Amino acid sequence: MVKREFQYRWEWELRSSPEALWPLVTDTNRFNRDTGLPPVEERGMGASARRRLRFRKLGLVVEWEEEPFEWVRPHRFGAVRRYTKGPVAQMRVLAELEPRPGGGTRLVYQAWLSPRNLLGLLAIPIQVGLLSARSFARVFRQYDQRASSRRVRAGVQLPLTLAPQPVRLAGGGQQRLHSLRQTLLAEGAPPELLERVVENIEQSDD
């Protein structure tokens, strides 16, 4: 392992409140996808509830153990990844959402990365310091726009609606979902709430 640590800190002034942004910025599966990370594969569970994960990019296999996230809703979250394969040895991230006096949020996102080898020493400043910085800014601005445009009906702020994502239901799943929807409607389920549930099943990550 190359004995050096890179540290990055980014800040954004956003219009939405921490409460409105929280379900977006903490959806790490969607955030990874929106920022261009390849699909992540679950490899099981290690000691102390550490998840074993991996992805492939440009023929390179990257594997790591991820400690359980630390959450303080809706103000901060952080995680530690210890890599077993790939050019990075360890990464820590910390995101903090601070309410602004005049409304909105000051989002501070920090990352600390230790390279495993020479490739990591060269790749981290490019991939994280340059490319990730741009994609993070773009995605957080998009999330802010979505959060600030949430509809209010009868004094209640409705759930966030995100862009649809491709899903693959099990064989016959769509037909069963439609049948269950009709049954629940006939039993008096609130139509708007029911549509939200169906939308979540059809579009959300597993």
Protein backbone atom coordinates (compact mmCIF):
# COMPACT_ATOMS: atom_id res chain seq x y z
CA MET A 1 0.00 0.00 0.00
CA VAL A 2 1.27 3.47 -0.91
CA LYS A 3 1.40 5.51 2.30
CA ARG A 4 -0.52 8.60 1.34
CA GLU A 5 -4.05 9.85 1.95
CA PHE A 6 -5.99 12.10 -0.39
CA GLN A 7 -8.64 14.33 1.15
CA TYR A 8 -11.40 16.11 -0.76
CA ARG A 9 -14.03 18.52 0.48
CA TRP A 10 -16.86 19.97 -1.58
CA GLU A 11 -19.60 22.38 -0.58
CA TRP A 12 -22.88 23.32 -2.27
CA GLU A 13 -25.48 25.90 -1.33
CA LEU A 14 -28.86 24.31 -2.10
CA ARG A 15 -32.40 25.69 -2.02
CA SER A 16 -34.12 22.71 -0.38
CA SER A 17 -34.21 21.91 3.31
CA PRO A 18 -32.14 19.07 4.84
CA GLU A 19 -35.37 17.16 5.46
CA ALA A 20 -36.38 17.37 1.79
CA LEU A 21 -32.91 16.44 0.51
CA TRP A 22 -32.29 13.60 2.96
CA PRO A 23 -34.14 10.76 1.14
CA LEU A 24 -32.29 11.65 -2.07
CA VAL A 25 -28.71 12.13 -0.92
CA THR A 26 -28.85 9.06 1.33
CA ASP A 27 -30.15 6.72 -1.39
CA THR A 28 -26.64 5.45 -2.09
CA ASN A 29 -27.70 2.87 -4.68
CA ARG A 30 -29.32 5.56 -6.82
CA PHE A 31 -26.52 8.05 -6.12
CA ASN A 32 -23.90 5.54 -7.30
CA ARG A 33 -25.87 4.90 -10.47
CA ASP A 34 -26.58 8.59 -11.13
CA THR A 35 -22.89 9.46 -10.78
CA GLY A 36 -21.81 6.77 -13.25
CA LEU A 37 -20.65 3.94 -10.99
CA PRO A 38 -21.09 0.48 -12.58
CA PRO A 39 -23.70 -1.88 -11.07
CA VAL A 40 -22.59 -3.07 -7.63
CA GLU A 41 -22.76 -6.79 -6.85
CA GLU A 42 -23.47 -8.13 -3.36
CA ARG A 43 -20.90 -10.72 -2.27
CA GLY A 44 -22.34 -11.59 1.12
CA MET A 45 -21.88 -10.40 4.68
CA GLY A 46 -18.60 -10.27 6.59
CA ALA A 47 -17.88 -9.90 10.29
CA SER A 48 -19.73 -7.24 12.31
CA ALA A 49 -22.40 -6.76 9.61
CA ARG A 50 -19.88 -5.57 7.02
CA ARG A 51 -21.24 -5.98 3.49
CA ARG A 52 -18.93 -7.46 0.84
CA LEU A 53 -19.42 -5.70 -2.50
CA ARG A 54 -17.75 -5.39 -5.86
CA PHE A 55 -18.03 -3.91 -9.34
CA ARG A 56 -16.13 -4.13 -12.61
CA LYS A 57 -14.94 -1.16 -14.63
CA LEU A 58 -12.76 -1.22 -17.74
CA GLY A 59 -11.84 -4.83 -17.01
CA LEU A 60 -10.74 -4.01 -13.45
CA VAL A 61 -12.38 -5.79 -10.51
CA VAL A 62 -12.89 -3.64 -7.42
CA GLU A 63 -13.97 -5.38 -4.20
CA TRP A 64 -14.46 -4.04 -0.71
CA GLU A 65 -16.02 -4.52 2.70
CA GLU A 66 -18.35 -1.74 3.77
CA GLU A 67 -18.98 -0.98 7.40
CA PRO A 68 -22.55 -0.15 8.47
CA PHE A 69 -23.42 3.45 7.68
CA GLU A 70 -23.60 6.01 10.47
CA TRP A 71 -26.77 8.09 10.21
CA VAL A 72 -28.00 11.19 12.03
CA ARG A 73 -31.20 12.07 10.17
CA PRO A 74 -31.41 14.57 8.51
CA HIS A 75 -28.01 16.06 9.27
CA ARG A 76 -25.16 13.68 8.46
CA PHE A 77 -24.13 10.22 7.30
CA GLY A 78 -20.82 8.50 6.75
CA ALA A 79 -19.29 5.18 5.79
CA VAL A 80 -15.95 3.37 5.58
CA ARG A 81 -14.91 1.03 2.78
CA ARG A 82 -11.88 -1.25 3.08
CA TYR A 83 -10.89 -2.59 -0.31
CA THR A 84 -9.58 -6.10 -0.93
CA LYS A 85 -9.10 -5.69 -4.69
CA GLY A 86 -8.43 -2.68 -6.87
CA PRO A 87 -6.22 0.43 -6.79
CA VAL A 88 -7.70 1.88 -3.56
CA ALA A 89 -6.93 0.56 -0.06
CA GLN A 90 -9.52 2.48 1.96
CA MET A 91 -12.11 5.21 1.56
CA ARG A 92 -14.10 7.19 4.12
CA VAL A 93 -16.97 9.51 3.23
CA LEU A 94 -18.90 12.00 5.31
CA ALA A 95 -21.86 14.09 4.15
CA GLU A 96 -23.28 16.87 6.31
CA LEU A 97 -26.49 18.81 5.65
CA GLU A 98 -26.59 22.11 7.52
CA PRO A 99 -29.71 24.30 7.45
CA ARG A 100 -29.00 27.82 6.16
CA PRO A 101 -30.33 30.78 8.18
CA GLY A 102 -32.40 32.08 5.26
CA GLY A 103 -33.65 28.64 4.22
CA GLY A 104 -32.09 25.87 2.19
CA THR A 105 -29.10 23.67 2.94
CA ARG A 106 -25.34 23.87 2.97
CA LEU A 107 -24.22 20.41 1.85
CA VAL A 108 -20.64 19.47 2.74
CA TYR A 109 -19.32 16.23 1.24
CA GLN A 110 -15.89 14.94 2.24
CA ALA A 111 -13.87 11.91 1.14
CA TRP A 112 -10.58 10.45 2.32
CA LEU A 113 -8.87 7.85 0.12
CA SER A 114 -5.69 5.81 0.55
CA PRO A 115 -4.19 4.25 -2.60
CA ARG A 116 -3.15 0.60 -2.61
CA ASN A 117 -0.56 0.92 -5.36
CA LEU A 118 0.89 3.21 -8.01
CA LEU A 119 -2.27 2.93 -10.11
CA GLY A 120 -4.32 4.22 -7.20
CA LEU A 121 -1.84 7.03 -6.62
CA LEU A 122 -2.37 8.15 -10.20
CA ALA A 123 -6.07 7.36 -10.56
CA ILE A 124 -7.52 8.93 -7.38
CA PRO A 125 -6.76 12.58 -8.31
CA ILE A 126 -8.31 12.04 -11.76
CA GLN A 127 -11.29 9.84 -10.90
CA VAL A 128 -12.25 11.43 -7.58
CA GLY A 129 -10.61 14.84 -7.58
CA LEU A 130 -11.78 15.73 -11.09
CA LEU A 131 -14.46 13.40 -12.52
CA SER A 132 -16.35 12.62 -9.29
CA ALA A 133 -16.27 16.28 -8.26
CA ARG A 134 -18.09 17.19 -11.47
CA SER A 135 -20.61 14.35 -11.33
CA PHE A 136 -21.35 14.92 -7.62
CA ALA A 137 -22.07 18.60 -8.26
CA ARG A 138 -24.37 17.75 -11.18
CA VAL A 139 -26.31 15.08 -9.28
CA PHE A 140 -26.72 17.09 -6.07
CA ARG A 141 -28.06 20.02 -8.12
CA GLN A 142 -30.54 17.67 -9.78
CA TYR A 143 -31.63 16.33 -6.39
CA ASP A 144 -32.06 19.88 -5.14
CA GLN A 145 -34.27 20.70 -8.10
CA ARG A 146 -36.39 17.61 -7.50
CA ALA A 147 -36.70 18.26 -3.77
CA SER A 148 -37.66 21.91 -4.26
CA SER A 149 -40.35 21.06 -6.80
CA ARG A 150 -42.27 18.61 -4.61
CA ARG A 151 -46.01 19.09 -4.85
CA VAL A 152 -48.13 20.08 -1.89
CA ARG A 153 -51.74 18.93 -1.71
CA ALA A 154 -54.13 19.64 1.16
CA GLY A 155 -51.22 20.98 3.19
CA VAL A 156 -49.22 17.72 2.87
CA GLN A 157 -45.96 17.50 0.95
CA LEU A 158 -46.14 14.50 -1.35
CA PRO A 159 -43.32 11.94 -1.68
CA LEU A 160 -40.50 12.55 -4.11
CA THR A 161 -40.94 11.13 -7.59
CA LEU A 162 -37.66 10.18 -9.21
CA ALA A 163 -36.94 9.39 -12.83
CA PRO A 164 -38.02 5.85 -13.71
CA GLN A 165 -35.32 3.20 -13.75
CA PRO A 166 -35.36 -0.07 -15.72
CA VAL A 167 -36.58 -2.99 -13.60
CA ARG A 168 -37.06 -6.70 -14.18
CA LEU A 169 -39.92 -8.28 -12.28
CA ALA A 170 -40.13 -12.04 -11.90
CA GLY A 171 -42.20 -13.93 -14.45
CA GLY A 172 -45.87 -13.00 -14.05
CA GLY A 173 -44.95 -10.25 -11.59
CA GLN A 174 -46.55 -7.45 -13.56
CA GLN A 175 -49.84 -9.36 -13.82
CA ARG A 176 -49.86 -10.16 -10.09
CA LEU A 177 -49.08 -6.53 -9.26
CA HIS A 178 -51.99 -5.37 -11.42
CA SER A 179 -54.33 -7.90 -9.80
CA LEU A 180 -53.29 -6.84 -6.29
CA ARG A 181 -53.78 -3.19 -7.22
CA GLN A 182 -57.34 -3.89 -8.38
CA THR A 183 -58.09 -5.91 -5.24
CA LEU A 184 -56.83 -3.15 -2.93
CA LEU A 185 -58.78 -0.51 -4.84
CA ALA A 186 -61.94 -2.58 -4.49
CA GLU A 187 -61.30 -2.82 -0.74
CA GLY A 188 -61.12 0.95 -0.45
CA ALA A 189 -57.37 1.65 -0.45
CA PRO A 190 -56.57 5.36 -1.12
CA PRO A 191 -55.86 5.50 -4.89
CA GLU A 192 -53.01 8.00 -4.69
CA LEU A 193 -51.24 6.10 -1.91
CA LEU A 194 -51.73 2.83 -3.78
CA GLU A 195 -50.22 4.31 -6.94
CA ARG A 196 -47.17 5.40 -4.93
CA VAL A 197 -46.72 1.86 -3.60
CA VAL A 198 -47.01 0.35 -7.08
CA GLU A 199 -44.60 2.96 -8.47
CA ASN A 200 -42.09 2.11 -5.76
CA ILE A 201 -42.30 -1.62 -6.52
CA GLU A 202 -41.92 -1.01 -10.25
CA GLN A 203 -39.04 1.50 -10.10
CA SER A 204 -37.07 1.19 -6.86
CA ASP A 205 -33.89 -0.77 -6.20
CA ASP A 206 -34.24 -4.22 -4.67
